[in-house]
Amino acid sequence: MITIIGDKRIPSKKNRMKLGRGRVYKDAAVTEFEQYLKELAIEEMTDSELSLIEGPVSLTLEVVYPDNRRRDVHNCFGCVCDALEGICYKDDSQIVEISATKRVSKGKDFFVIYIMEKK
């Protein structure tokens, strides 16, 4: 199992892409977050001596928000799945099971991602 723990807020799907000058591009915050998550994943894969998952994947996401503002946890998956592609698994099309938990802990803002090969 691969476990990745981060201390940044995951950008939502609504903020992933922008339109400008006739083209679509990723928002800078999304690009920054994806790079941050890639670095965490590479570190975890290296430290744990894990290899790229070849088969079906189960992905579980736990998100902790610092306040009770309205947020949709399902909007976090796009950014997470894209960022981990090629690092934890070959392609996000390998994900066959996905689950999420959202909770509030005053003043805390972090996430935990669990990735397992599905047998």
PDB file of N, CA and C in Angstrom:
ATOM      1  N   MET A   1       0.849  -1.181   0.000  1.00  0.00           N
ATOM      2  CA  MET A   1       0.000   0.000   0.000  1.00  0.00           C
ATOM      3  C   MET A   1       0.892   1.241   0.000  1.00  0.00           C
ATOM      4  N   ILE A   2       0.472   2.211  -0.745  1.00  0.00           N
ATOM      5  CA  ILE A   2       1.156   3.506  -0.816  1.00  0.00           C
ATOM      6  C   ILE A   2       0.332   4.499   0.003  1.00  0.00           C
ATOM      7  N   THR A   3       0.981   5.201   0.919  1.00  0.00           N
ATOM      8  CA  THR A   3       0.304   6.208   1.738  1.00  0.00           C
ATOM      9  C   THR A   3       1.003   7.541   1.541  1.00  0.00           C
ATOM     10  N   ILE A   4       0.239   8.540   1.127  1.00  0.00           N
ATOM     11  CA  ILE A   4       0.788   9.873   0.892  1.00  0.00           C
ATOM     12  C   ILE A   4       0.037  10.852   1.789  1.00  0.00           C
ATOM     13  N   ILE A   5       0.785  11.608   2.582  1.00  0.00           N
ATOM     14  CA  ILE A   5       0.186  12.586   3.487  1.00  0.00           C
ATOM     15  C   ILE A   5       0.680  13.970   3.095  1.00  0.00           C
ATOM     16  N   GLY A   6      -0.248  14.893   2.903  1.00  0.00           N
ATOM     17  CA  GLY A   6       0.114  16.255   2.505  1.00  0.00           C
ATOM     18  C   GLY A   6      -0.579  17.284   3.371  1.00  0.00           C
ATOM     19  N   ASP A   7      -0.016  18.481   3.389  1.00  0.00           N
ATOM     20  CA  ASP A   7      -0.564  19.537   4.244  1.00  0.00           C
ATOM     21  C   ASP A   7      -1.056  20.747   3.453  1.00  0.00           C
ATOM     22  N   LYS A   8      -1.454  20.513   2.217  1.00  0.00           N
ATOM     23  CA  LYS A   8      -2.015  21.601   1.402  1.00  0.00           C
ATOM     24  C   LYS A   8      -3.443  21.245   1.013  1.00  0.00           C
ATOM     25  N   ARG A   9      -4.208  22.248   0.688  1.00  0.00           N
ATOM     26  CA  ARG A   9      -5.578  22.018   0.219  1.00  0.00           C
ATOM     27  C   ARG A   9      -5.543  21.565  -1.233  1.00  0.00           C
ATOM     28  N   ILE A  10      -6.344  20.554  -1.547  1.00  0.00           N
ATOM     29  CA  ILE A  10      -6.430  20.030  -2.901  1.00  0.00           C
ATOM     30  C   ILE A  10      -7.340  20.940  -3.720  1.00  0.00           C
ATOM     31  N   PRO A  11      -6.872  21.431  -4.861  1.00  0.00           N
ATOM     32  CA  PRO A  11      -7.736  22.267  -5.702  1.00  0.00           C
ATOM     33  C   PRO A  11      -8.940  21.469  -6.201  1.00  0.00           C
ATOM     34  N   SER A  12     -10.068  22.122  -6.282  1.00  0.00           N
ATOM     35  CA  SER A  12     -11.269  21.428  -6.742  1.00  0.00           C
ATOM     36  C   SER A  12     -11.314  21.384  -8.263  1.00  0.00           C
ATOM     37  N   LYS A  13     -12.137  20.493  -8.764  1.00  0.00           N
ATOM     38  CA  LYS A  13     -12.300  20.319 -10.206  1.00  0.00           C
ATOM     39  C   LYS A  13     -12.712  21.624 -10.879  1.00  0.00           C
ATOM     40  N   LYS A  14     -13.522  22.410 -10.197  1.00  0.00           N
ATOM     41  CA  LYS A  14     -14.022  23.651 -10.781  1.00  0.00           C
ATOM     42  C   LYS A  14     -12.897  24.634 -11.102  1.00  0.00           C
ATOM     43  N   ASN A  15     -11.802  24.540 -10.364  1.00  0.00           N
ATOM     44  CA  ASN A  15     -10.689  25.471 -10.546  1.00  0.00           C
ATOM     45  C   ASN A  15      -9.541  24.885 -11.362  1.00  0.00           C
ATOM     46  N   ARG A  16      -9.721  23.709 -11.945  1.00  0.00           N
ATOM     47  CA  ARG A  16      -8.607  23.041 -12.612  1.00  0.00           C
ATOM     48  C   ARG A  16      -8.193  23.690 -13.919  1.00  0.00           C
ATOM     49  N   MET A  17      -9.138  24.075 -14.743  1.00  0.00           N
ATOM     50  CA  MET A  17      -8.808  24.587 -16.070  1.00  0.00           C
ATOM     51  C   MET A  17      -9.331  26.009 -16.251  1.00  0.00           C
ATOM     52  N   LYS A  18      -8.582  26.802 -16.982  1.00  0.00           N
ATOM     53  CA  LYS A  18      -8.963  28.178 -17.285  1.00  0.00           C
ATOM     54  C   LYS A  18      -9.009  28.356 -18.798  1.00  0.00           C
ATOM     55  N   LEU A  19      -9.755  29.334 -19.243  1.00  0.00           N
ATOM     56  CA  LEU A  19      -9.843  29.652 -20.666  1.00  0.00           C
ATOM     57  C   LEU A  19      -9.338  31.071 -20.858  1.00  0.00           C
ATOM     58  N   GLY A  20      -8.411  31.229 -21.778  1.00  0.00           N
ATOM     59  CA  GLY A  20      -7.880  32.557 -22.051  1.00  0.00           C
ATOM     60  C   GLY A  20      -7.134  32.590 -23.367  1.00  0.00           C
ATOM     61  N   ARG A  21      -7.314  33.671 -24.118  1.00  0.00           N
ATOM     62  CA  ARG A  21      -6.654  33.849 -25.415  1.00  0.00           C
ATOM     63  C   ARG A  21      -6.890  32.659 -26.345  1.00  0.00           C
ATOM     64  N   GLY A  22      -8.087  32.138 -26.303  1.00  0.00           N
ATOM     65  CA  GLY A  22      -8.462  31.076 -27.218  1.00  0.00           C
ATOM     66  C   GLY A  22      -7.896  29.708 -26.895  1.00  0.00           C
ATOM     67  N   ARG A  23      -7.366  29.522 -25.680  1.00  0.00           N
ATOM     68  CA  ARG A  23      -6.839  28.210 -25.324  1.00  0.00           C
ATOM     69  C   ARG A  23      -7.233  27.866 -23.891  1.00  0.00           C
ATOM     70  N   VAL A  24      -7.161  26.581 -23.587  1.00  0.00           N
ATOM     71  CA  VAL A  24      -7.464  26.092 -22.250  1.00  0.00           C
ATOM     72  C   VAL A  24      -6.146  25.735 -21.578  1.00  0.00           C
ATOM     73  N   TYR A  25      -5.981  26.139 -20.319  1.00  0.00           N
ATOM     74  CA  TYR A  25      -4.752  25.841 -19.599  1.00  0.00           C
ATOM     75  C   TYR A  25      -5.069  25.591 -18.136  1.00  0.00           C
ATOM     76  N   LYS A  26      -4.129  24.938 -17.442  1.00  0.00           N
ATOM     77  CA  LYS A  26      -4.305  24.667 -16.016  1.00  0.00           C
ATOM     78  C   LYS A  26      -4.024  25.927 -15.232  1.00  0.00           C
ATOM     79  N   ASP A  27      -4.822  26.143 -14.210  1.00  0.00           N
ATOM     80  CA  ASP A  27      -4.613  27.246 -13.288  1.00  0.00           C
ATOM     81  C   ASP A  27      -3.264  27.046 -12.585  1.00  0.00           C
ATOM     82  N   ALA A  28      -2.568  28.110 -12.261  1.00  0.00           N
ATOM     83  CA  ALA A  28      -1.246  28.033 -11.616  1.00  0.00           C
ATOM     84  C   ALA A  28      -1.306  27.292 -10.279  1.00  0.00           C
ATOM     85  N   ALA A  29      -2.382  27.480  -9.526  1.00  0.00           N
ATOM     86  CA  ALA A  29      -2.521  26.800  -8.234  1.00  0.00           C
ATOM     87  C   ALA A  29      -2.612  25.288  -8.422  1.00  0.00           C
ATOM     88  N   VAL A  30      -3.266  24.863  -9.495  1.00  0.00           N
ATOM     89  CA  VAL A  30      -3.389  23.433  -9.789  1.00  0.00           C
ATOM     90  C   VAL A  30      -2.033  22.862 -10.185  1.00  0.00           C
ATOM     91  N   THR A  31      -1.324  23.558 -11.051  1.00  0.00           N
ATOM     92  CA  THR A  31       0.002  23.111 -11.468  1.00  0.00           C
ATOM     93  C   THR A  31       0.936  23.009 -10.269  1.00  0.00           C
ATOM     94  N   GLU A  32       0.885  23.994  -9.393  1.00  0.00           N
ATOM     95  CA  GLU A  32       1.721  23.994  -8.186  1.00  0.00           C
ATOM     96  C   GLU A  32       1.367  22.819  -7.280  1.00  0.00           C
ATOM     97  N   PHE A  33       0.063  22.580  -7.081  1.00  0.00           N
ATOM     98  CA  PHE A  33      -0.357  21.470  -6.227  1.00  0.00           C
ATOM     99  C   PHE A  33       0.051  20.132  -6.828  1.00  0.00           C
ATOM    100  N   GLU A  34      -0.141  19.947  -8.128  1.00  0.00           N
ATOM    101  CA  GLU A  34       0.220  18.686  -8.769  1.00  0.00           C
ATOM    102  C   GLU A  34       1.714  18.408  -8.621  1.00  0.00           C
ATOM    103  N   GLN A  35       2.546  19.439  -8.750  1.00  0.00           N
ATOM    104  CA  GLN A  35       3.988  19.268  -8.579  1.00  0.00           C
ATOM    105  C   GLN A  35       4.306  18.876  -7.133  1.00  0.00           C
ATOM    106  N   TYR A  36       3.638  19.524  -6.179  1.00  0.00           N
ATOM    107  CA  TYR A  36       3.805  19.207  -4.755  1.00  0.00           C
ATOM    108  C   TYR A  36       3.442  17.743  -4.496  1.00  0.00           C
ATOM    109  N   LEU A  37       2.300  17.289  -5.024  1.00  0.00           N
ATOM    110  CA  LEU A  37       1.844  15.916  -4.809  1.00  0.00           C
ATOM    111  C   LEU A  37       2.781  14.919  -5.491  1.00  0.00           C
ATOM    112  N   LYS A  38       3.261  15.245  -6.673  1.00  0.00           N
ATOM    113  CA  LYS A  38       4.212  14.369  -7.364  1.00  0.00           C
ATOM    114  C   LYS A  38       5.471  14.182  -6.530  1.00  0.00           C
ATOM    115  N   GLU A  39       5.979  15.259  -5.952  1.00  0.00           N
ATOM    116  CA  GLU A  39       7.183  15.173  -5.120  1.00  0.00           C
ATOM    117  C   GLU A  39       6.942  14.294  -3.895  1.00  0.00           C
ATOM    118  N   LEU A  40       5.779  14.450  -3.245  1.00  0.00           N
ATOM    119  CA  LEU A  40       5.437  13.603  -2.100  1.00  0.00           C
ATOM    120  C   LEU A  40       5.361  12.135  -2.517  1.00  0.00           C
ATOM    121  N   ALA A  41       4.731  11.873  -3.658  1.00  0.00           N
ATOM    122  CA  ALA A  41       4.561  10.498  -4.136  1.00  0.00           C
ATOM    123  C   ALA A  41       5.910   9.867  -4.488  1.00  0.00           C
ATOM    124  N   ILE A  42       6.762  10.605  -5.169  1.00  0.00           N
ATOM    125  CA  ILE A  42       8.088  10.083  -5.531  1.00  0.00           C
ATOM    126  C   ILE A  42       8.879   9.760  -4.269  1.00  0.00           C
ATOM    127  N   GLU A  43       8.816  10.640  -3.286  1.00  0.00           N
ATOM    128  CA  GLU A  43       9.521  10.412  -2.019  1.00  0.00           C
ATOM    129  C   GLU A  43       9.003   9.145  -1.335  1.00  0.00           C
ATOM    130  N   GLU A  44       7.687   8.981  -1.294  1.00  0.00           N
ATOM    131  CA  GLU A  44       7.093   7.798  -0.664  1.00  0.00           C
ATOM    132  C   GLU A  44       7.467   6.533  -1.419  1.00  0.00           C
ATOM    133  N   MET A  45       7.391   6.557  -2.733  1.00  0.00           N
ATOM    134  CA  MET A  45       7.720   5.388  -3.548  1.00  0.00           C
ATOM    135  C   MET A  45       9.195   5.003  -3.384  1.00  0.00           C
ATOM    136  N   THR A  46      10.067   5.995  -3.322  1.00  0.00           N
ATOM    137  CA  THR A  46      11.499   5.749  -3.169  1.00  0.00           C
ATOM    138  C   THR A  46      11.814   5.229  -1.770  1.00  0.00           C
ATOM    139  N   ASP A  47      11.321   5.921  -0.744  1.00  0.00           N
ATOM    140  CA  ASP A  47      11.596   5.523   0.642  1.00  0.00           C
ATOM    141  C   ASP A  47      11.069   4.126   0.958  1.00  0.00           C
ATOM    142  N   SER A  48       9.920   3.784   0.414  1.00  0.00           N
ATOM    143  CA  SER A  48       9.304   2.475   0.679  1.00  0.00           C
ATOM    144  C   SER A  48       9.729   1.408  -0.325  1.00  0.00           C
ATOM    145  N   GLU A  49      10.568   1.799  -1.282  1.00  0.00           N
ATOM    146  CA  GLU A  49      11.059   0.893  -2.325  1.00  0.00           C
ATOM    147  C   GLU A  49       9.904   0.198  -3.043  1.00  0.00           C
ATOM    148  N   LEU A  50       8.898   0.969  -3.398  1.00  0.00           N
ATOM    149  CA  LEU A  50       7.726   0.457  -4.101  1.00  0.00           C
ATOM    150  C   LEU A  50       7.882   0.707  -5.592  1.00  0.00           C
ATOM    151  N   SER A  51       7.206  -0.112  -6.394  1.00  0.00           N
ATOM    152  CA  SER A  51       7.263   0.067  -7.835  1.00  0.00           C
ATOM    153  C   SER A  51       5.890   0.450  -8.378  1.00  0.00           C
ATOM    154  N   LEU A  52       5.897   0.911  -9.596  1.00  0.00           N
ATOM    155  CA  LEU A  52       4.689   1.334 -10.291  1.00  0.00           C
ATOM    156  C   LEU A  52       3.672   0.190 -10.306  1.00  0.00           C
ATOM    157  N   ILE A  53       2.439   0.477  -9.950  1.00  0.00           N
ATOM    158  CA  ILE A  53       1.390  -0.542  -9.958  1.00  0.00           C
ATOM    159  C   ILE A  53       0.965  -0.774 -11.402  1.00  0.00           C
ATOM    160  N   GLU A  54       0.943  -2.028 -11.800  1.00  0.00           N
ATOM    161  CA  GLU A  54       0.615  -2.398 -13.180  1.00  0.00           C
ATOM    162  C   GLU A  54      -0.856  -2.760 -13.357  1.00  0.00           C
ATOM    163  N   GLY A  55      -1.487  -3.290 -12.305  1.00  0.00           N
ATOM    164  CA  GLY A  55      -2.857  -3.787 -12.419  1.00  0.00           C
ATOM    165  C   GLY A  55      -3.893  -2.798 -11.915  1.00  0.00           C
ATOM    166  N   PRO A  56      -5.086  -3.317 -11.615  1.00  0.00           N
ATOM    167  CA  PRO A  56      -6.168  -2.466 -11.107  1.00  0.00           C
ATOM    168  C   PRO A  56      -5.792  -1.795  -9.786  1.00  0.00           C
ATOM    169  N   VAL A  57      -6.301  -0.592  -9.567  1.00  0.00           N
ATOM    170  CA  VAL A  57      -5.934   0.224  -8.410  1.00  0.00           C
ATOM    171  C   VAL A  57      -7.166   0.638  -7.615  1.00  0.00           C
ATOM    172  N   SER A  58      -7.009   0.638  -6.303  1.00  0.00           N
ATOM    173  CA  SER A  58      -8.010   1.170  -5.386  1.00  0.00           C
ATOM    174  C   SER A  58      -7.418   2.444  -4.773  1.00  0.00           C
ATOM    175  N   LEU A  59      -8.147   3.540  -4.826  1.00  0.00           N
ATOM    176  CA  LEU A  59      -7.664   4.820  -4.303  1.00  0.00           C
ATOM    177  C   LEU A  59      -8.647   5.342  -3.256  1.00  0.00           C
ATOM    178  N   THR A  60      -8.126   5.635  -2.073  1.00  0.00           N
ATOM    179  CA  THR A  60      -8.937   6.195  -0.991  1.00  0.00           C
ATOM    180  C   THR A  60      -8.359   7.550  -0.618  1.00  0.00           C
ATOM    181  N   LEU A  61      -9.223   8.515  -0.481  1.00  0.00           N
ATOM    182  CA  LEU A  61      -8.818   9.886  -0.180  1.00  0.00           C
ATOM    183  C   LEU A  61      -9.503  10.349   1.094  1.00  0.00           C
ATOM    184  N   GLU A  62      -8.718  10.809   2.055  1.00  0.00           N
ATOM    185  CA  GLU A  62      -9.246  11.423   3.276  1.00  0.00           C
ATOM    186  C   GLU A  62      -8.845  12.888   3.242  1.00  0.00           C
ATOM    187  N   VAL A  63      -9.826  13.763   3.335  1.00  0.00           N
ATOM    188  CA  VAL A  63      -9.564  15.203   3.287  1.00  0.00           C
ATOM    189  C   VAL A  63     -10.052  15.823   4.583  1.00  0.00           C
ATOM    190  N   VAL A  64      -9.195  16.651   5.194  1.00  0.00           N
ATOM    191  CA  VAL A  64      -9.558  17.360   6.418  1.00  0.00           C
ATOM    192  C   VAL A  64      -9.507  18.850   6.120  1.00  0.00           C
ATOM    193  N   TYR A  65     -10.616  19.520   6.372  1.00  0.00           N
ATOM    194  CA  TYR A  65     -10.726  20.958   6.138  1.00  0.00           C
ATOM    195  C   TYR A  65     -10.699  21.706   7.469  1.00  0.00           C
ATOM    196  N   PRO A  66     -10.233  22.963   7.465  1.00  0.00           N
ATOM    197  CA  PRO A  66     -10.096  23.717   8.711  1.00  0.00           C
ATOM    198  C   PRO A  66     -11.384  24.368   9.210  1.00  0.00           C
ATOM    199  N   ASP A  67     -12.434  24.354   8.384  1.00  0.00           N
ATOM    200  CA  ASP A  67     -13.677  25.025   8.771  1.00  0.00           C
ATOM    201  C   ASP A  67     -14.864  24.343   8.098  1.00  0.00           C
ATOM    202  N   ASN A  68     -16.052  24.804   8.416  1.00  0.00           N
ATOM    203  CA  ASN A  68     -17.280  24.182   7.918  1.00  0.00           C
ATOM    204  C   ASN A  68     -17.787  24.744   6.593  1.00  0.00           C
ATOM    205  N   ARG A  69     -16.963  25.498   5.879  1.00  0.00           N
ATOM    206  CA  ARG A  69     -17.435  26.011   4.593  1.00  0.00           C
ATOM    207  C   ARG A  69     -17.818  24.854   3.687  1.00  0.00           C
ATOM    208  N   ARG A  70     -18.732  25.113   2.808  1.00  0.00           N
ATOM    209  CA  ARG A  70     -19.236  24.078   1.915  1.00  0.00           C
ATOM    210  C   ARG A  70     -18.203  23.730   0.843  1.00  0.00           C
ATOM    211  N   ARG A  71     -17.794  22.469   0.810  1.00  0.00           N
ATOM    212  CA  ARG A  71     -16.834  21.984  -0.181  1.00  0.00           C
ATOM    213  C   ARG A  71     -17.254  20.586  -0.621  1.00  0.00           C
ATOM    214  N   ASP A  72     -17.078  20.294  -1.897  1.00  0.00           N
ATOM    215  CA  ASP A  72     -17.422  18.988  -2.430  1.00  0.00           C
ATOM    216  C   ASP A  72     -16.159  18.141  -2.543  1.00  0.00           C
ATOM    217  N   VAL A  73     -16.085  17.094  -1.754  1.00  0.00           N
ATOM    218  CA  VAL A  73     -14.889  16.255  -1.733  1.00  0.00           C
ATOM    219  C   VAL A  73     -14.668  15.535  -3.063  1.00  0.00           C
ATOM    220  N   HIS A  74     -15.730  15.225  -3.782  1.00  0.00           N
ATOM    221  CA  HIS A  74     -15.553  14.508  -5.054  1.00  0.00           C
ATOM    222  C   HIS A  74     -14.816  15.350  -6.099  1.00  0.00           C
ATOM    223  N   ASN A  75     -14.797  16.658  -5.930  1.00  0.00           N
ATOM    224  CA  ASN A  75     -14.083  17.530  -6.869  1.00  0.00           C
ATOM    225  C   ASN A  75     -12.563  17.425  -6.736  1.00  0.00           C
ATOM    226  N   CYS A  76     -12.078  16.799  -5.675  1.00  0.00           N
ATOM    227  CA  CYS A  76     -10.633  16.669  -5.450  1.00  0.00           C
ATOM    228  C   CYS A  76      -9.998  15.559  -6.278  1.00  0.00           C
ATOM    229  N   PHE A  77     -10.795  14.598  -6.707  1.00  0.00           N
ATOM    230  CA  PHE A  77     -10.235  13.414  -7.356  1.00  0.00           C
ATOM    231  C   PHE A  77      -9.498  13.699  -8.653  1.00  0.00           C
ATOM    232  N   GLY A  78     -10.002  14.587  -9.490  1.00  0.00           N
ATOM    233  CA  GLY A  78      -9.372  14.852 -10.783  1.00  0.00           C
ATOM    234  C   GLY A  78      -7.919  15.255 -10.654  1.00  0.00           C
ATOM    235  N   CYS A  79      -7.664  16.185  -9.785  1.00  0.00           N
ATOM    236  CA  CYS A  79      -6.311  16.701  -9.581  1.00  0.00           C
ATOM    237  C   CYS A  79      -5.390  15.615  -9.005  1.00  0.00           C
ATOM    238  N   VAL A  80      -5.896  14.867  -8.035  1.00  0.00           N
ATOM    239  CA  VAL A  80      -5.102  13.823  -7.388  1.00  0.00           C
ATOM    240  C   VAL A  80      -4.773  12.709  -8.373  1.00  0.00           C
ATOM    241  N   CYS A  81      -5.777  12.222  -9.078  1.00  0.00           N
ATOM    242  CA  CYS A  81      -5.568  11.111 -10.025  1.00  0.00           C
ATOM    243  C   CYS A  81      -4.585  11.489 -11.125  1.00  0.00           C
ATOM    244  N   ASP A  82      -4.703  12.678 -11.656  1.00  0.00           N
ATOM    245  CA  ASP A  82      -3.787  13.135 -12.707  1.00  0.00           C
ATOM    246  C   ASP A  82      -2.352  13.257 -12.199  1.00  0.00           C
ATOM    247  N   ALA A  83      -2.187  13.806 -11.013  1.00  0.00           N
ATOM    248  CA  ALA A  83      -0.842  14.048 -10.471  1.00  0.00           C
ATOM    249  C   ALA A  83      -0.086  12.748 -10.194  1.00  0.00           C
ATOM    250  N   LEU A  84      -0.793  11.697  -9.793  1.00  0.00           N
ATOM    251  CA  LEU A  84      -0.133  10.444  -9.416  1.00  0.00           C
ATOM    252  C   LEU A  84       0.108   9.508 -10.597  1.00  0.00           C
ATOM    253  N   GLU A  85      -0.427   9.875 -11.750  1.00  0.00           N
ATOM    254  CA  GLU A  85      -0.266   9.077 -12.962  1.00  0.00           C
ATOM    255  C   GLU A  85       1.210   9.022 -13.355  1.00  0.00           C
ATOM    256  N   GLY A  86       1.694   7.824 -13.624  1.00  0.00           N
ATOM    257  CA  GLY A  86       3.091   7.649 -14.009  1.00  0.00           C
ATOM    258  C   GLY A  86       4.041   7.567 -12.836  1.00  0.00           C
ATOM    259  N   ILE A  87       3.540   7.777 -11.628  1.00  0.00           N
ATOM    260  CA  ILE A  87       4.382   7.695 -10.431  1.00  0.00           C
ATOM    261  C   ILE A  87       3.961   6.504  -9.567  1.00  0.00           C
ATOM    262  N   CYS A  88       2.679   6.430  -9.244  1.00  0.00           N
ATOM    263  CA  CYS A  88       2.150   5.329  -8.436  1.00  0.00           C
ATOM    264  C   CYS A  88       1.523   4.243  -9.306  1.00  0.00           C
ATOM    265  N   TYR A  89       0.925   4.647 -10.396  1.00  0.00           N
ATOM    266  CA  TYR A  89       0.311   3.737 -11.357  1.00  0.00           C
ATOM    267  C   TYR A  89       0.551   4.298 -12.756  1.00  0.00           C
ATOM    268  N   LYS A  90       0.460   3.434 -13.766  1.00  0.00           N
ATOM    269  CA  LYS A  90       0.744   3.864 -15.140  1.00  0.00           C
ATOM    270  C   LYS A  90      -0.237   4.918 -15.624  1.00  0.00           C
ATOM    271  N   ASP A  91      -1.525   4.628 -15.454  1.00  0.00           N
ATOM    272  CA  ASP A  91      -2.560   5.492 -16.009  1.00  0.00           C
ATOM    273  C   ASP A  91      -3.744   5.507 -15.044  1.00  0.00           C
ATOM    274  N   ASP A  92      -4.411   6.646 -14.930  1.00  0.00           N
ATOM    275  CA  ASP A  92      -5.531   6.707 -13.988  1.00  0.00           C
ATOM    276  C   ASP A  92      -6.729   5.874 -14.433  1.00  0.00           C
ATOM    277  N   SER A  93      -6.693   5.336 -15.646  1.00  0.00           N
ATOM    278  CA  SER A  93      -7.751   4.420 -16.079  1.00  0.00           C
ATOM    279  C   SER A  93      -7.661   3.076 -15.344  1.00  0.00           C
ATOM    280  N   GLN A  94      -6.553   2.822 -14.658  1.00  0.00           N
ATOM    281  CA  GLN A  94      -6.392   1.614 -13.848  1.00  0.00           C
ATOM    282  C   GLN A  94      -7.228   1.666 -12.569  1.00  0.00           C
ATOM    283  N   ILE A  95      -7.675   2.838 -12.176  1.00  0.00           N
ATOM    284  CA  ILE A  95      -8.434   2.978 -10.934  1.00  0.00           C
ATOM    285  C   ILE A  95      -9.814   2.360 -11.130  1.00  0.00           C
ATOM    286  N   VAL A  96     -10.077   1.306 -10.352  1.00  0.00           N
ATOM    287  CA  VAL A  96     -11.349   0.598 -10.453  1.00  0.00           C
ATOM    288  C   VAL A  96     -12.219   0.798  -9.214  1.00  0.00           C
ATOM    289  N   GLU A  97     -11.611   1.335  -8.167  1.00  0.00           N
ATOM    290  CA  GLU A  97     -12.346   1.572  -6.920  1.00  0.00           C
ATOM    291  C   GLU A  97     -11.848   2.875  -6.325  1.00  0.00           C
ATOM    292  N   ILE A  98     -12.790   3.702  -5.910  1.00  0.00           N
ATOM    293  CA  ILE A  98     -12.425   5.013  -5.395  1.00  0.00           C
ATOM    294  C   ILE A  98     -13.355   5.339  -4.231  1.00  0.00           C
ATOM    295  N   SER A  99     -12.784   5.906  -3.165  1.00  0.00           N
ATOM    296  CA  SER A  99     -13.619   6.305  -2.032  1.00  0.00           C
ATOM    297  C   SER A  99     -13.014   7.550  -1.386  1.00  0.00           C
ATOM    298  N   ALA A 100     -13.869   8.273  -0.668  1.00  0.00           N
ATOM    299  CA  ALA A 100     -13.417   9.519  -0.047  1.00  0.00           C
ATOM    300  C   ALA A 100     -14.120   9.738   1.284  1.00  0.00           C
ATOM    301  N   THR A 101     -13.400  10.419   2.174  1.00  0.00           N
ATOM    302  CA  THR A 101     -13.937  10.839   3.456  1.00  0.00           C
ATOM    303  C   THR A 101     -13.581  12.298   3.643  1.00  0.00           C
ATOM    304  N   LYS A 102     -14.550  13.072   4.082  1.00  0.00           N
ATOM    305  CA  LYS A 102     -14.311  14.496   4.351  1.00  0.00           C
ATOM    306  C   LYS A 102     -14.676  14.753   5.806  1.00  0.00           C
ATOM    307  N   ARG A 103     -13.803  15.480   6.492  1.00  0.00           N
ATOM    308  CA  ARG A 103     -14.139  15.886   7.853  1.00  0.00           C
ATOM    309  C   ARG A 103     -13.545  17.261   8.147  1.00  0.00           C
ATOM    310  N   VAL A 104     -13.983  17.834   9.240  1.00  0.00           N
ATOM    311  CA  VAL A 104     -13.534  19.162   9.645  1.00  0.00           C
ATOM    312  C   VAL A 104     -12.795  19.049  10.964  1.00  0.00           C
ATOM    313  N   SER A 105     -11.631  19.669  11.041  1.00  0.00           N
ATOM    314  CA  SER A 105     -10.862  19.758  12.272  1.00  0.00           C
ATOM    315  C   SER A 105     -10.353  21.191  12.353  1.00  0.00           C
ATOM    316  N   LYS A 106     -10.910  21.950  13.255  1.00  0.00           N
ATOM    317  CA  LYS A 106     -10.643  23.387  13.330  1.00  0.00           C
ATOM    318  C   LYS A 106      -9.153  23.715  13.226  1.00  0.00           C
ATOM    319  N   GLY A 107      -8.833  24.540  12.234  1.00  0.00           N
ATOM    320  CA  GLY A 107      -7.465  25.010  12.049  1.00  0.00           C
ATOM    321  C   GLY A 107      -6.546  24.053  11.310  1.00  0.00           C
ATOM    322  N   LYS A 108      -7.022  22.865  10.968  1.00  0.00           N
ATOM    323  CA  LYS A 108      -6.169  21.897  10.269  1.00  0.00           C
ATOM    324  C   LYS A 108      -6.625  21.756   8.828  1.00  0.00           C
ATOM    325  N   ASP A 109      -5.673  21.581   7.929  1.00  0.00           N
ATOM    326  CA  ASP A 109      -5.957  21.466   6.501  1.00  0.00           C
ATOM    327  C   ASP A 109      -4.947  20.477   5.916  1.00  0.00           C
ATOM    328  N   PHE A 110      -5.378  19.230   5.696  1.00  0.00           N
ATOM    329  CA  PHE A 110      -4.461  18.243   5.146  1.00  0.00           C
ATOM    330  C   PHE A 110      -5.235  17.127   4.455  1.00  0.00           C
ATOM    331  N   PHE A 111      -4.481  16.208   3.838  1.00  0.00           N
ATOM    332  CA  PHE A 111      -5.097  15.073   3.148  1.00  0.00           C
ATOM    333  C   PHE A 111      -4.218  13.844   3.315  1.00  0.00           C
ATOM    334  N   VAL A 112      -4.842  12.684   3.180  1.00  0.00           N
ATOM    335  CA  VAL A 112      -4.142  11.407   3.182  1.00  0.00           C
ATOM    336  C   VAL A 112      -4.686  10.611   1.998  1.00  0.00           C
ATOM    337  N   ILE A 113      -3.784  10.041   1.220  1.00  0.00           N
ATOM    338  CA  ILE A 113      -4.171   9.234   0.060  1.00  0.00           C
ATOM    339  C   ILE A 113      -3.617   7.832   0.268  1.00  0.00           C
ATOM    340  N   TYR A 114      -4.487   6.844   0.114  1.00  0.00           N
ATOM    341  CA  TYR A 114      -4.090   5.427   0.186  1.00  0.00           C
ATOM    342  C   TYR A 114      -4.299   4.820  -1.203  1.00  0.00           C
ATOM    343  N   ILE A 115      -3.269   4.180  -1.713  1.00  0.00           N
ATOM    344  CA  ILE A 115      -3.341   3.547  -3.022  1.00  0.00           C
ATOM    345  C   ILE A 115      -2.927   2.091  -2.863  1.00  0.00           C
ATOM    346  N   MET A 116      -3.801   1.197  -3.335  1.00  0.00           N
ATOM    347  CA  MET A 116      -3.509  -0.236  -3.235  1.00  0.00           C
ATOM    348  C   MET A 116      -3.754  -0.906  -4.581  1.00  0.00           C
ATOM    349  N   GLU A 117      -2.961  -1.913  -4.842  1.00  0.00           N
ATOM    350  CA  GLU A 117      -3.223  -2.735  -6.020  1.00  0.00           C
ATOM    351  C   GLU A 117      -4.387  -3.637  -5.685  1.00  0.00           C
ATOM    352  N   LYS A 118      -5.360  -3.660  -6.552  1.00  0.00           N
ATOM    353  CA  LYS A 118      -6.576  -4.444  -6.368  1.00  0.00           C
ATOM    354  C   LYS A 118      -6.320  -5.839  -6.929  1.00  0.00           C
ATOM    355  N   LYS A 119      -6.477  -6.836  -6.121  1.00  0.00           N
ATOM    356  CA  LYS A 119      -6.217  -8.231  -6.558  1.00  0.00           C
ATOM    357  C   LYS A 119      -7.467  -8.865  -7.100  1.00  0.00           C
TER     358      LYS A 119
END
